[in-house]
Amino acid sequence: KAENLLYTKFIGKSLVLKDPSMQRNFHFAITAMDRYDNESVALQEN
């Protein structure tokens, strides 16, 4: 679902959740992208 995308082609391996409501109200998942724009399966939070 496109509406679940928060950041695309993010560079780095950490993100500070500055908005407290984002910390409380949402689940997160991370996928990897290569230079050809292939996407991996998702790493879901536990």
All heavy atoms as atom14 arrays in JSON, in Angstrom:
{
  "sequence": "KAENLLYTKFIGKSLVLKDPSMQRNFHFAITAMDRYDNESVALQEN",
  "atom14_mask": [
    [1, 1, 1, 1, 1, 1, 1, 1, 1, 0, 0, 0, 0, 0],
    [1, 1, 1, 1, 1, 0, 0, 0, 0, 0, 0, 0, 0, 0],
    [1, 1, 1, 1, 1, 1, 1, 1, 1, 0, 0, 0, 0, 0],
    [1, 1, 1, 1, 1, 1, 1, 1, 0, 0, 0, 0, 0, 0],
    [1, 1, 1, 1, 1, 1, 1, 1, 0, 0, 0, 0, 0, 0],
    [1, 1, 1, 1, 1, 1, 1, 1, 0, 0, 0, 0, 0, 0],
    [1, 1, 1, 1, 1, 1, 1, 1, 1, 1, 1, 1, 0, 0],
    [1, 1, 1, 1, 1, 1, 1, 0, 0, 0, 0, 0, 0, 0],
    [1, 1, 1, 1, 1, 1, 1, 1, 1, 0, 0, 0, 0, 0],
    [1, 1, 1, 1, 1, 1, 1, 1, 1, 1, 1, 0, 0, 0],
    [1, 1, 1, 1, 1, 1, 1, 1, 0, 0, 0, 0, 0, 0],
    [1, 1, 1, 1, 0, 0, 0, 0, 0, 0, 0, 0, 0, 0],
    [1, 1, 1, 1, 1, 1, 1, 1, 1, 0, 0, 0, 0, 0],
    [1, 1, 1, 1, 1, 1, 0, 0, 0, 0, 0, 0, 0, 0],
    [1, 1, 1, 1, 1, 1, 1, 1, 0, 0, 0, 0, 0, 0],
    [1, 1, 1, 1, 1, 1, 1, 0, 0, 0, 0, 0, 0, 0],
    [1, 1, 1, 1, 1, 1, 1, 1, 0, 0, 0, 0, 0, 0],
    [1, 1, 1, 1, 1, 1, 1, 1, 1, 0, 0, 0, 0, 0],
    [1, 1, 1, 1, 1, 1, 1, 1, 0, 0, 0, 0, 0, 0],
    [1, 1, 1, 1, 1, 1, 1, 0, 0, 0, 0, 0, 0, 0],
    [1, 1, 1, 1, 1, 1, 0, 0, 0, 0, 0, 0, 0, 0],
    [1, 1, 1, 1, 1, 1, 1, 1, 0, 0, 0, 0, 0, 0],
    [1, 1, 1, 1, 1, 1, 1, 1, 1, 0, 0, 0, 0, 0],
    [1, 1, 1, 1, 1, 1, 1, 1, 1, 1, 1, 0, 0, 0],
    [1, 1, 1, 1, 1, 1, 1, 1, 0, 0, 0, 0, 0, 0],
    [1, 1, 1, 1, 1, 1, 1, 1, 1, 1, 1, 0, 0, 0],
    [1, 1, 1, 1, 1, 1, 1, 1, 1, 1, 0, 0, 0, 0],
    [1, 1, 1, 1, 1, 1, 1, 1, 1, 1, 1, 0, 0, 0],
    [1, 1, 1, 1, 1, 0, 0, 0, 0, 0, 0, 0, 0, 0],
    [1, 1, 1, 1, 1, 1, 1, 1, 0, 0, 0, 0, 0, 0],
    [1, 1, 1, 1, 1, 1, 1, 0, 0, 0, 0, 0, 0, 0],
    [1, 1, 1, 1, 1, 0, 0, 0, 0, 0, 0, 0, 0, 0],
    [1, 1, 1, 1, 1, 1, 1, 1, 0, 0, 0, 0, 0, 0],
    [1, 1, 1, 1, 1, 1, 1, 1, 0, 0, 0, 0, 0, 0],
    [1, 1, 1, 1, 1, 1, 1, 1, 1, 1, 1, 0, 0, 0],
    [1, 1, 1, 1, 1, 1, 1, 1, 1, 1, 1, 1, 0, 0],
    [1, 1, 1, 1, 1, 1, 1, 1, 0, 0, 0, 0, 0, 0],
    [1, 1, 1, 1, 1, 1, 1, 1, 0, 0, 0, 0, 0, 0],
    [1, 1, 1, 1, 1, 1, 1, 1, 1, 0, 0, 0, 0, 0],
    [1, 1, 1, 1, 1, 1, 0, 0, 0, 0, 0, 0, 0, 0],
    [1, 1, 1, 1, 1, 1, 1, 0, 0, 0, 0, 0, 0, 0],
    [1, 1, 1, 1, 1, 0, 0, 0, 0, 0, 0, 0, 0, 0],
    [1, 1, 1, 1, 1, 1, 1, 1, 0, 0, 0, 0, 0, 0],
    [1, 1, 1, 1, 1, 1, 1, 1, 1, 0, 0, 0, 0, 0],
    [1, 1, 1, 1, 1, 1, 1, 1, 1, 0, 0, 0, 0, 0],
    [1, 1, 1, 1, 1, 1, 1, 1, 0, 0, 0, 0, 0, 0]
  ],
  "atom14_positions": [
    [[0.83, -1.2, 0.0], [0.0, 0.0, 0.0], [0.87, 1.25, 0.0], [1.68, 1.45, 0.9], [-0.93, 0.0, 1.21], [-2.01, -1.07, 1.17], [-2.96, -0.94, 2.34], [-4.1, -1.94, 2.25], [-5.03, -1.81, 3.41], [0.0, 0.0, 0.0], [0.0, 0.0, 0.0], [0.0, 0.0, 0.0], [0.0, 0.0, 0.0], [0.0, 0.0, 0.0]],
    [[0.65, 2.09, -1.0], [1.45, 3.32, -1.11], [1.25, 4.22, 0.09], [2.17, 4.91, 0.52], [1.08, 4.05, -2.4], [0.0, 0.0, 0.0], [0.0, 0.0, 0.0], [0.0, 0.0, 0.0], [0.0, 0.0, 0.0], [0.0, 0.0, 0.0], [0.0, 0.0, 0.0], [0.0, 0.0, 0.0], [0.0, 0.0, 0.0], [0.0, 0.0, 0.0]],
    [[0.04, 4.22, 0.66], [-0.23, 5.12, 1.78], [0.56, 4.77, 3.03], [0.65, 5.57, 3.97], [-1.73, 5.15, 2.1], [-2.35, 3.81, 2.41], [-3.01, 3.18, 1.2], [-2.51, 3.38, 0.08], [-4.03, 2.49, 1.39], [0.0, 0.0, 0.0], [0.0, 0.0, 0.0], [0.0, 0.0, 0.0], [0.0, 0.0, 0.0], [0.0, 0.0, 0.0]],
    [[1.16, 3.58, 3.07], [1.98, 3.2, 4.22], [3.43, 3.63, 4.09], [4.21, 3.5, 5.03], [1.91, 1.69, 4.44], [0.55, 1.23, 4.94], [-0.23, 2.03, 5.46], [0.23, -0.04, 4.76], [0.0, 0.0, 0.0], [0.0, 0.0, 0.0], [0.0, 0.0, 0.0], [0.0, 0.0, 0.0], [0.0, 0.0, 0.0], [0.0, 0.0, 0.0]],
    [[3.82, 4.13, 2.91], [5.2, 4.58, 2.71], [5.45, 5.85, 3.52], [4.74, 6.85, 3.38], [5.45, 4.86, 1.24], [6.01, 3.72, 0.39], [5.97, 4.09, -1.09], [7.43, 3.36, 0.81], [0.0, 0.0, 0.0], [0.0, 0.0, 0.0], [0.0, 0.0, 0.0], [0.0, 0.0, 0.0], [0.0, 0.0, 0.0], [0.0, 0.0, 0.0]],
    [[6.47, 5.81, 4.34], [6.84, 6.98, 5.13], [8.05, 7.67, 4.5], [8.06, 8.89, 4.32], [7.17, 6.55, 6.56], [7.3, 7.66, 7.61], [6.0, 8.42, 7.75], [7.71, 7.06, 8.95], [0.0, 0.0, 0.0], [0.0, 0.0, 0.0], [0.0, 0.0, 0.0], [0.0, 0.0, 0.0], [0.0, 0.0, 0.0], [0.0, 0.0, 0.0]],
    [[9.08, 6.91, 4.15], [10.26, 7.44, 3.47], [10.65, 6.47, 2.36], [10.63, 5.25, 2.55], [11.45, 7.59, 4.43], [11.27, 8.65, 5.48], [10.86, 8.31, 6.77], [11.52, 10.0, 5.19], [10.69, 9.29, 7.73], [11.36, 10.97, 6.15], [10.94, 10.62, 7.42], [10.76, 11.59, 8.38], [0.0, 0.0, 0.0], [0.0, 0.0, 0.0]],
    [[11.03, 7.01, 1.2], [11.49, 6.19, 0.09], [12.97, 6.42, -0.16], [13.48, 7.53, 0.02], [10.72, 6.51, -1.2], [10.93, 7.88, -1.55], [9.23, 6.28, -1.01], [0.0, 0.0, 0.0], [0.0, 0.0, 0.0], [0.0, 0.0, 0.0], [0.0, 0.0, 0.0], [0.0, 0.0, 0.0], [0.0, 0.0, 0.0], [0.0, 0.0, 0.0]],
    [[13.68, 5.37, -0.55], [15.11, 5.42, -0.87], [15.87, 6.18, 0.22], [16.69, 7.05, -0.05], [15.31, 6.03, -2.25], [14.6, 5.25, -3.35], [14.9, 5.75, -4.74], [16.16, 5.12, -5.27], [16.34, 5.35, -6.72], [0.0, 0.0, 0.0], [0.0, 0.0, 0.0], [0.0, 0.0, 0.0], [0.0, 0.0, 0.0], [0.0, 0.0, 0.0]],
    [[15.59, 5.8, 1.46], [16.21, 6.41, 2.63], [17.67, 5.98, 2.7], [18.0, 4.8, 2.54], [15.45, 5.97, 3.88], [15.94, 6.57, 5.17], [15.47, 7.8, 5.6], [16.86, 5.9, 5.97], [15.91, 8.35, 6.8], [17.3, 6.44, 7.16], [16.82, 7.68, 7.57], [0.0, 0.0, 0.0], [0.0, 0.0, 0.0], [0.0, 0.0, 0.0]],
    [[18.56, 6.95, 2.94], [19.99, 6.64, 3.07], [20.34, 6.61, 4.55], [20.14, 7.58, 5.27], [20.84, 7.71, 2.34], [20.52, 7.72, 0.85], [22.33, 7.44, 2.56], [21.22, 8.82, 0.08], [0.0, 0.0, 0.0], [0.0, 0.0, 0.0], [0.0, 0.0, 0.0], [0.0, 0.0, 0.0], [0.0, 0.0, 0.0], [0.0, 0.0, 0.0]],
    [[20.85, 5.49, 5.02], [21.17, 5.34, 6.43], [20.47, 4.11, 6.99], [19.7, 3.44, 6.3], [0.0, 0.0, 0.0], [0.0, 0.0, 0.0], [0.0, 0.0, 0.0], [0.0, 0.0, 0.0], [0.0, 0.0, 0.0], [0.0, 0.0, 0.0], [0.0, 0.0, 0.0], [0.0, 0.0, 0.0], [0.0, 0.0, 0.0], [0.0, 0.0, 0.0]],
    [[20.74, 3.84, 8.26], [20.16, 2.64, 8.89], [19.54, 2.96, 10.25], [19.42, 2.08, 11.1], [21.24, 1.56, 9.05], [21.86, 1.11, 7.73], [22.88, 0.01, 7.95], [23.57, -0.37, 6.65], [24.46, 0.7, 6.15], [0.0, 0.0, 0.0], [0.0, 0.0, 0.0], [0.0, 0.0, 0.0], [0.0, 0.0, 0.0], [0.0, 0.0, 0.0]],
    [[19.14, 4.22, 10.45], [18.43, 4.58, 11.68], [17.59, 5.82, 11.43], [17.93, 6.65, 10.58], [19.41, 4.83, 12.82], [20.22, 5.97, 12.57], [0.0, 0.0, 0.0], [0.0, 0.0, 0.0], [0.0, 0.0, 0.0], [0.0, 0.0, 0.0], [0.0, 0.0, 0.0], [0.0, 0.0, 0.0], [0.0, 0.0, 0.0], [0.0, 0.0, 0.0]],
    [[16.5, 5.93, 12.17], [15.61, 7.08, 12.05], [15.06, 7.41, 13.43], [14.47, 6.55, 14.1], [14.45, 6.77, 11.09], [13.36, 7.84, 10.98], [13.92, 9.1, 10.31], [12.15, 7.31, 10.22], [0.0, 0.0, 0.0], [0.0, 0.0, 0.0], [0.0, 0.0, 0.0], [0.0, 0.0, 0.0], [0.0, 0.0, 0.0], [0.0, 0.0, 0.0]],
    [[15.25, 8.65, 13.85], [14.73, 9.11, 15.14], [13.26, 9.46, 14.96], [12.9, 10.26, 14.09], [15.51, 10.33, 15.66], [14.91, 10.84, 16.95], [16.97, 9.98, 15.85], [0.0, 0.0, 0.0], [0.0, 0.0, 0.0], [0.0, 0.0, 0.0], [0.0, 0.0, 0.0], [0.0, 0.0, 0.0], [0.0, 0.0, 0.0], [0.0, 0.0, 0.0]],
    [[12.39, 8.87, 15.79], [10.96, 9.17, 15.75], [10.7, 10.37, 16.67], [10.41, 10.22, 17.86], [10.16, 7.95, 16.21], [10.34, 6.69, 15.35], [9.62, 5.51, 15.96], [9.85, 6.95, 13.93], [0.0, 0.0, 0.0], [0.0, 0.0, 0.0], [0.0, 0.0, 0.0], [0.0, 0.0, 0.0], [0.0, 0.0, 0.0], [0.0, 0.0, 0.0]],
    [[10.81, 11.55, 16.13], [10.69, 12.77, 16.93], [9.26, 13.05, 17.35], [9.02, 13.68, 18.38], [11.25, 13.96, 16.14], [12.73, 13.85, 15.83], [13.23, 15.06, 15.05], [14.72, 14.93, 14.75], [15.24, 16.08, 13.96], [0.0, 0.0, 0.0], [0.0, 0.0, 0.0], [0.0, 0.0, 0.0], [0.0, 0.0, 0.0], [0.0, 0.0, 0.0]],
    [[8.3, 12.6, 16.55], [6.89, 12.82, 16.86], [6.43, 11.75, 17.85], [6.37, 10.57, 17.51], [6.07, 12.75, 15.57], [4.61, 13.15, 15.78], [4.15, 13.1, 16.94], [3.96, 13.51, 14.8], [0.0, 0.0, 0.0], [0.0, 0.0, 0.0], [0.0, 0.0, 0.0], [0.0, 0.0, 0.0], [0.0, 0.0, 0.0], [0.0, 0.0, 0.0]],
    [[6.09, 12.12, 19.09], [5.67, 11.11, 20.09], [4.5, 10.26, 19.62], [4.41, 9.07, 19.95], [5.29, 11.97, 21.3], [6.04, 13.24, 21.13], [6.09, 13.47, 19.65], [0.0, 0.0, 0.0], [0.0, 0.0, 0.0], [0.0, 0.0, 0.0], [0.0, 0.0, 0.0], [0.0, 0.0, 0.0], [0.0, 0.0, 0.0], [0.0, 0.0, 0.0]],
    [[3.59, 10.86, 18.85], [2.42, 10.11, 18.4], [2.82, 8.99, 17.43], [2.18, 7.94, 17.38], [1.41, 11.04, 17.72], [2.01, 11.68, 16.61], [0.0, 0.0, 0.0], [0.0, 0.0, 0.0], [0.0, 0.0, 0.0], [0.0, 0.0, 0.0], [0.0, 0.0, 0.0], [0.0, 0.0, 0.0], [0.0, 0.0, 0.0], [0.0, 0.0, 0.0]],
    [[3.91, 9.2, 16.68], [4.4, 8.15, 15.79], [4.95, 6.99, 16.6], [4.86, 5.83, 16.21], [5.48, 8.7, 14.85], [4.98, 9.67, 13.81], [3.83, 8.94, 12.62], [4.88, 7.8, 11.75], [0.0, 0.0, 0.0], [0.0, 0.0, 0.0], [0.0, 0.0, 0.0], [0.0, 0.0, 0.0], [0.0, 0.0, 0.0], [0.0, 0.0, 0.0]],
    [[5.52, 7.29, 17.76], [6.07, 6.24, 18.62], [4.96, 5.37, 19.2], [5.11, 4.16, 19.36], [6.87, 6.86, 19.76], [8.04, 7.72, 19.31], [8.73, 8.36, 20.49], [8.77, 7.81, 21.58], [9.29, 9.55, 20.27], [0.0, 0.0, 0.0], [0.0, 0.0, 0.0], [0.0, 0.0, 0.0], [0.0, 0.0, 0.0], [0.0, 0.0, 0.0]],
    [[3.82, 5.98, 19.51], [2.76, 5.26, 20.22], [1.77, 4.58, 19.28], [1.23, 3.53, 19.62], [1.97, 6.24, 21.12], [2.76, 6.85, 22.25], [1.83, 7.57, 23.21], [1.04, 8.59, 22.53], [1.41, 9.86, 22.38], [2.58, 10.25, 22.85], [0.63, 10.72, 21.78], [0.0, 0.0, 0.0], [0.0, 0.0, 0.0], [0.0, 0.0, 0.0]],
    [[1.5, 5.19, 18.13], [0.33, 4.81, 17.36], [0.59, 3.98, 16.11], [-0.35, 3.61, 15.42], [-0.43, 6.07, 16.94], [-0.95, 6.83, 18.14], [-1.6, 6.28, 19.0], [-0.63, 8.12, 18.2], [0.0, 0.0, 0.0], [0.0, 0.0, 0.0], [0.0, 0.0, 0.0], [0.0, 0.0, 0.0], [0.0, 0.0, 0.0], [0.0, 0.0, 0.0]],
    [[1.87, 3.69, 15.82], [2.15, 3.04, 14.56], [3.1, 1.85, 14.7], [3.94, 1.81, 15.59], [2.75, 4.04, 13.56], [1.73, 4.97, 12.98], [1.38, 6.13, 13.64], [1.11, 4.65, 11.78], [0.42, 6.98, 13.11], [0.15, 5.5, 11.25], [-0.19, 6.66, 11.91], [0.0, 0.0, 0.0], [0.0, 0.0, 0.0], [0.0, 0.0, 0.0]],
    [[2.91, 0.9, 13.79], [3.86, -0.18, 13.59], [4.75, 0.2, 12.41], [4.36, 0.98, 11.54], [3.14, -1.48, 13.28], [2.19, -1.92, 14.36], [2.61, -2.5, 15.52], [0.84, -1.83, 14.43], [1.57, -2.77, 16.27], [0.48, -2.38, 15.64], [0.0, 0.0, 0.0], [0.0, 0.0, 0.0], [0.0, 0.0, 0.0], [0.0, 0.0, 0.0]],
    [[5.93, -0.39, 12.35], [6.89, -0.03, 11.3], [7.44, -1.27, 10.61], [7.47, -2.36, 11.19], [8.05, 0.78, 11.9], [7.61, 2.1, 12.47], [7.28, 2.2, 13.82], [7.54, 3.23, 11.67], [6.86, 3.41, 14.35], [7.13, 4.44, 12.2], [6.79, 4.54, 13.54], [0.0, 0.0, 0.0], [0.0, 0.0, 0.0], [0.0, 0.0, 0.0]],
    [[7.87, -1.06, 9.36], [8.53, -2.12, 8.6], [9.59, -1.46, 7.72], [9.43, -0.31, 7.29], [7.53, -2.89, 7.75], [0.0, 0.0, 0.0], [0.0, 0.0, 0.0], [0.0, 0.0, 0.0], [0.0, 0.0, 0.0], [0.0, 0.0, 0.0], [0.0, 0.0, 0.0], [0.0, 0.0, 0.0], [0.0, 0.0, 0.0], [0.0, 0.0, 0.0]],
    [[10.66, -2.19, 7.45], [11.76, -1.69, 6.64], [12.03, -2.66, 5.5], [12.05, -3.88, 5.7], [13.06, -1.54, 7.46], [12.82, -0.78, 8.77], [14.15, -0.87, 6.63], [12.47, 0.67, 8.59], [0.0, 0.0, 0.0], [0.0, 0.0, 0.0], [0.0, 0.0, 0.0], [0.0, 0.0, 0.0], [0.0, 0.0, 0.0], [0.0, 0.0, 0.0]],
    [[12.23, -2.13, 4.28], [12.66, -2.95, 3.16], [13.95, -2.37, 2.58], [14.21, -1.17, 2.72], [11.61, -3.0, 2.04], [11.4, -1.68, 1.52], [10.3, -3.58, 2.54], [0.0, 0.0, 0.0], [0.0, 0.0, 0.0], [0.0, 0.0, 0.0], [0.0, 0.0, 0.0], [0.0, 0.0, 0.0], [0.0, 0.0, 0.0], [0.0, 0.0, 0.0]],
    [[14.74, -3.22, 1.95], [15.98, -2.77, 1.31], [15.71, -2.5, -0.17], [14.82, -3.11, -0.78], [17.07, -3.82, 1.46], [0.0, 0.0, 0.0], [0.0, 0.0, 0.0], [0.0, 0.0, 0.0], [0.0, 0.0, 0.0], [0.0, 0.0, 0.0], [0.0, 0.0, 0.0], [0.0, 0.0, 0.0], [0.0, 0.0, 0.0], [0.0, 0.0, 0.0]],
    [[16.49, -1.59, -0.75], [16.39, -1.26, -2.18], [17.78, -1.3, -2.8], [18.74, -0.81, -2.2], [15.82, 0.14, -2.37], [14.34, 0.28, -2.04], [13.29, -0.1, -3.46], [13.6, 1.33, -4.48], [0.0, 0.0, 0.0], [0.0, 0.0, 0.0], [0.0, 0.0, 0.0], [0.0, 0.0, 0.0], [0.0, 0.0, 0.0], [0.0, 0.0, 0.0]],
    [[17.89, -1.86, -4.02], [19.17, -1.8, -4.71], [19.16, -0.7, -5.76], [18.18, 0.05, -5.88], [19.54, -3.16, -5.32], [18.6, -3.59, -6.45], [17.79, -2.76, -6.92], [18.69, -4.75, -6.89], [0.0, 0.0, 0.0], [0.0, 0.0, 0.0], [0.0, 0.0, 0.0], [0.0, 0.0, 0.0], [0.0, 0.0, 0.0], [0.0, 0.0, 0.0]],
    [[20.24, -0.57, -6.54], [20.35, 0.52, -7.5], [19.39, 0.37, -8.68], [19.16, 1.32, -9.42], [21.79, 0.62, -8.02], [22.84, 0.92, -6.97], [22.53, 2.2, -6.2], [22.44, 3.37, -7.05], [23.41, 4.27, -7.21], [24.55, 4.13, -6.56], [23.24, 5.3, -7.99], [0.0, 0.0, 0.0], [0.0, 0.0, 0.0], [0.0, 0.0, 0.0]],
    [[18.85, -0.83, -8.87], [17.9, -1.05, -9.96], [16.46, -0.87, -9.49], [15.52, -1.11, -10.24], [18.08, -2.45, -10.53], [19.5, -2.74, -10.99], [20.4, -3.4, -10.16], [19.93, -2.34, -12.25], [21.7, -3.66, -10.57], [21.23, -2.6, -12.67], [22.11, -3.25, -11.83], [23.41, -3.49, -12.24], [0.0, 0.0, 0.0], [0.0, 0.0, 0.0]],
    [[16.29, -0.48, -8.22], [14.98, -0.27, -7.58], [14.23, -1.57, -7.31], [13.01, -1.59, -7.19], [14.11, 0.71, -8.37], [14.64, 2.14, -8.26], [15.15, 2.5, -7.19], [14.58, 2.88, -9.25], [0.0, 0.0, 0.0], [0.0, 0.0, 0.0], [0.0, 0.0, 0.0], [0.0, 0.0, 0.0], [0.0, 0.0, 0.0], [0.0, 0.0, 0.0]],
    [[14.97, -2.69, -7.18], [14.39, -3.9, -6.64], [14.2, -3.72, -5.14], [15.03, -3.08, -4.47], [15.31, -5.09, -6.89], [15.37, -5.48, -8.35], [14.4, -5.97, -8.92], [16.53, -5.27, -8.97], [0.0, 0.0, 0.0], [0.0, 0.0, 0.0], [0.0, 0.0, 0.0], [0.0, 0.0, 0.0], [0.0, 0.0, 0.0], [0.0, 0.0, 0.0]],
    [[13.13, -4.29, -4.62], [12.82, -4.15, -3.19], [12.79, -5.52, -2.53], [12.27, -6.49, -3.09], [11.47, -3.46, -3.01], [11.13, -3.14, -1.57], [9.81, -2.38, -1.44], [8.94, -2.55, -2.31], [9.66, -1.63, -0.47], [0.0, 0.0, 0.0], [0.0, 0.0, 0.0], [0.0, 0.0, 0.0], [0.0, 0.0, 0.0], [0.0, 0.0, 0.0]],
    [[13.32, -5.6, -1.31], [13.34, -6.86, -0.57], [12.0, -7.09, 0.13], [11.11, -6.23, 0.13], [14.45, -6.81, 0.48], [14.07, -5.96, 1.57], [0.0, 0.0, 0.0], [0.0, 0.0, 0.0], [0.0, 0.0, 0.0], [0.0, 0.0, 0.0], [0.0, 0.0, 0.0], [0.0, 0.0, 0.0], [0.0, 0.0, 0.0], [0.0, 0.0, 0.0]],
    [[11.87, -8.25, 0.74], [10.74, -8.48, 1.64], [10.93, -7.59, 2.87], [12.01, -7.05, 3.11], [10.65, -9.96, 2.06], [10.4, -10.84, 0.86], [11.92, -10.4, 2.8], [0.0, 0.0, 0.0], [0.0, 0.0, 0.0], [0.0, 0.0, 0.0], [0.0, 0.0, 0.0], [0.0, 0.0, 0.0], [0.0, 0.0, 0.0], [0.0, 0.0, 0.0]],
    [[9.87, -7.43, 3.64], [9.9, -6.48, 4.75], [10.45, -7.08, 6.03], [10.2, -8.24, 6.35], [8.5, -5.94, 5.0], [0.0, 0.0, 0.0], [0.0, 0.0, 0.0], [0.0, 0.0, 0.0], [0.0, 0.0, 0.0], [0.0, 0.0, 0.0], [0.0, 0.0, 0.0], [0.0, 0.0, 0.0], [0.0, 0.0, 0.0], [0.0, 0.0, 0.0]],
    [[11.22, -6.28, 6.74], [11.58, -6.58, 8.12], [10.55, -5.9, 9.0], [10.49, -4.68, 9.09], [12.98, -6.04, 8.44], [13.44, -6.2, 9.89], [13.69, -7.68, 10.22], [14.71, -5.39, 10.14], [0.0, 0.0, 0.0], [0.0, 0.0, 0.0], [0.0, 0.0, 0.0], [0.0, 0.0, 0.0], [0.0, 0.0, 0.0], [0.0, 0.0, 0.0]],
    [[9.69, -6.7, 9.62], [8.62, -6.17, 10.47], [9.12, -6.06, 11.91], [9.99, -6.82, 12.33], [7.39, -7.09, 10.43], [6.81, -7.31, 9.06], [5.82, -6.23, 8.64], [5.48, -5.33, 9.41], [5.34, -6.32, 7.4], [0.0, 0.0, 0.0], [0.0, 0.0, 0.0], [0.0, 0.0, 0.0], [0.0, 0.0, 0.0], [0.0, 0.0, 0.0]],
    [[8.55, -5.14, 12.65], [8.9, -5.07, 14.07], [8.31, -6.26, 14.81], [7.38, -6.91, 14.33], [8.39, -3.77, 14.68], [6.88, -3.66, 14.73], [6.46, -2.38, 15.41], [6.45, -2.35, 16.64], [6.13, -1.41, 14.7], [0.0, 0.0, 0.0], [0.0, 0.0, 0.0], [0.0, 0.0, 0.0], [0.0, 0.0, 0.0], [0.0, 0.0, 0.0]],
    [[8.87, -6.56, 15.95], [8.41, -7.67, 16.77], [7.39, -7.14, 17.76], [7.75, -6.51, 18.75], [9.59, -8.31, 17.49], [9.22, -9.59, 18.2], [8.05, -9.84, 18.47], [10.22, -10.41, 18.5], [0.0, 0.0, 0.0], [0.0, 0.0, 0.0], [0.0, 0.0, 0.0], [0.0, 0.0, 0.0], [0.0, 0.0, 0.0], [0.0, 0.0, 0.0]]
  ]
}
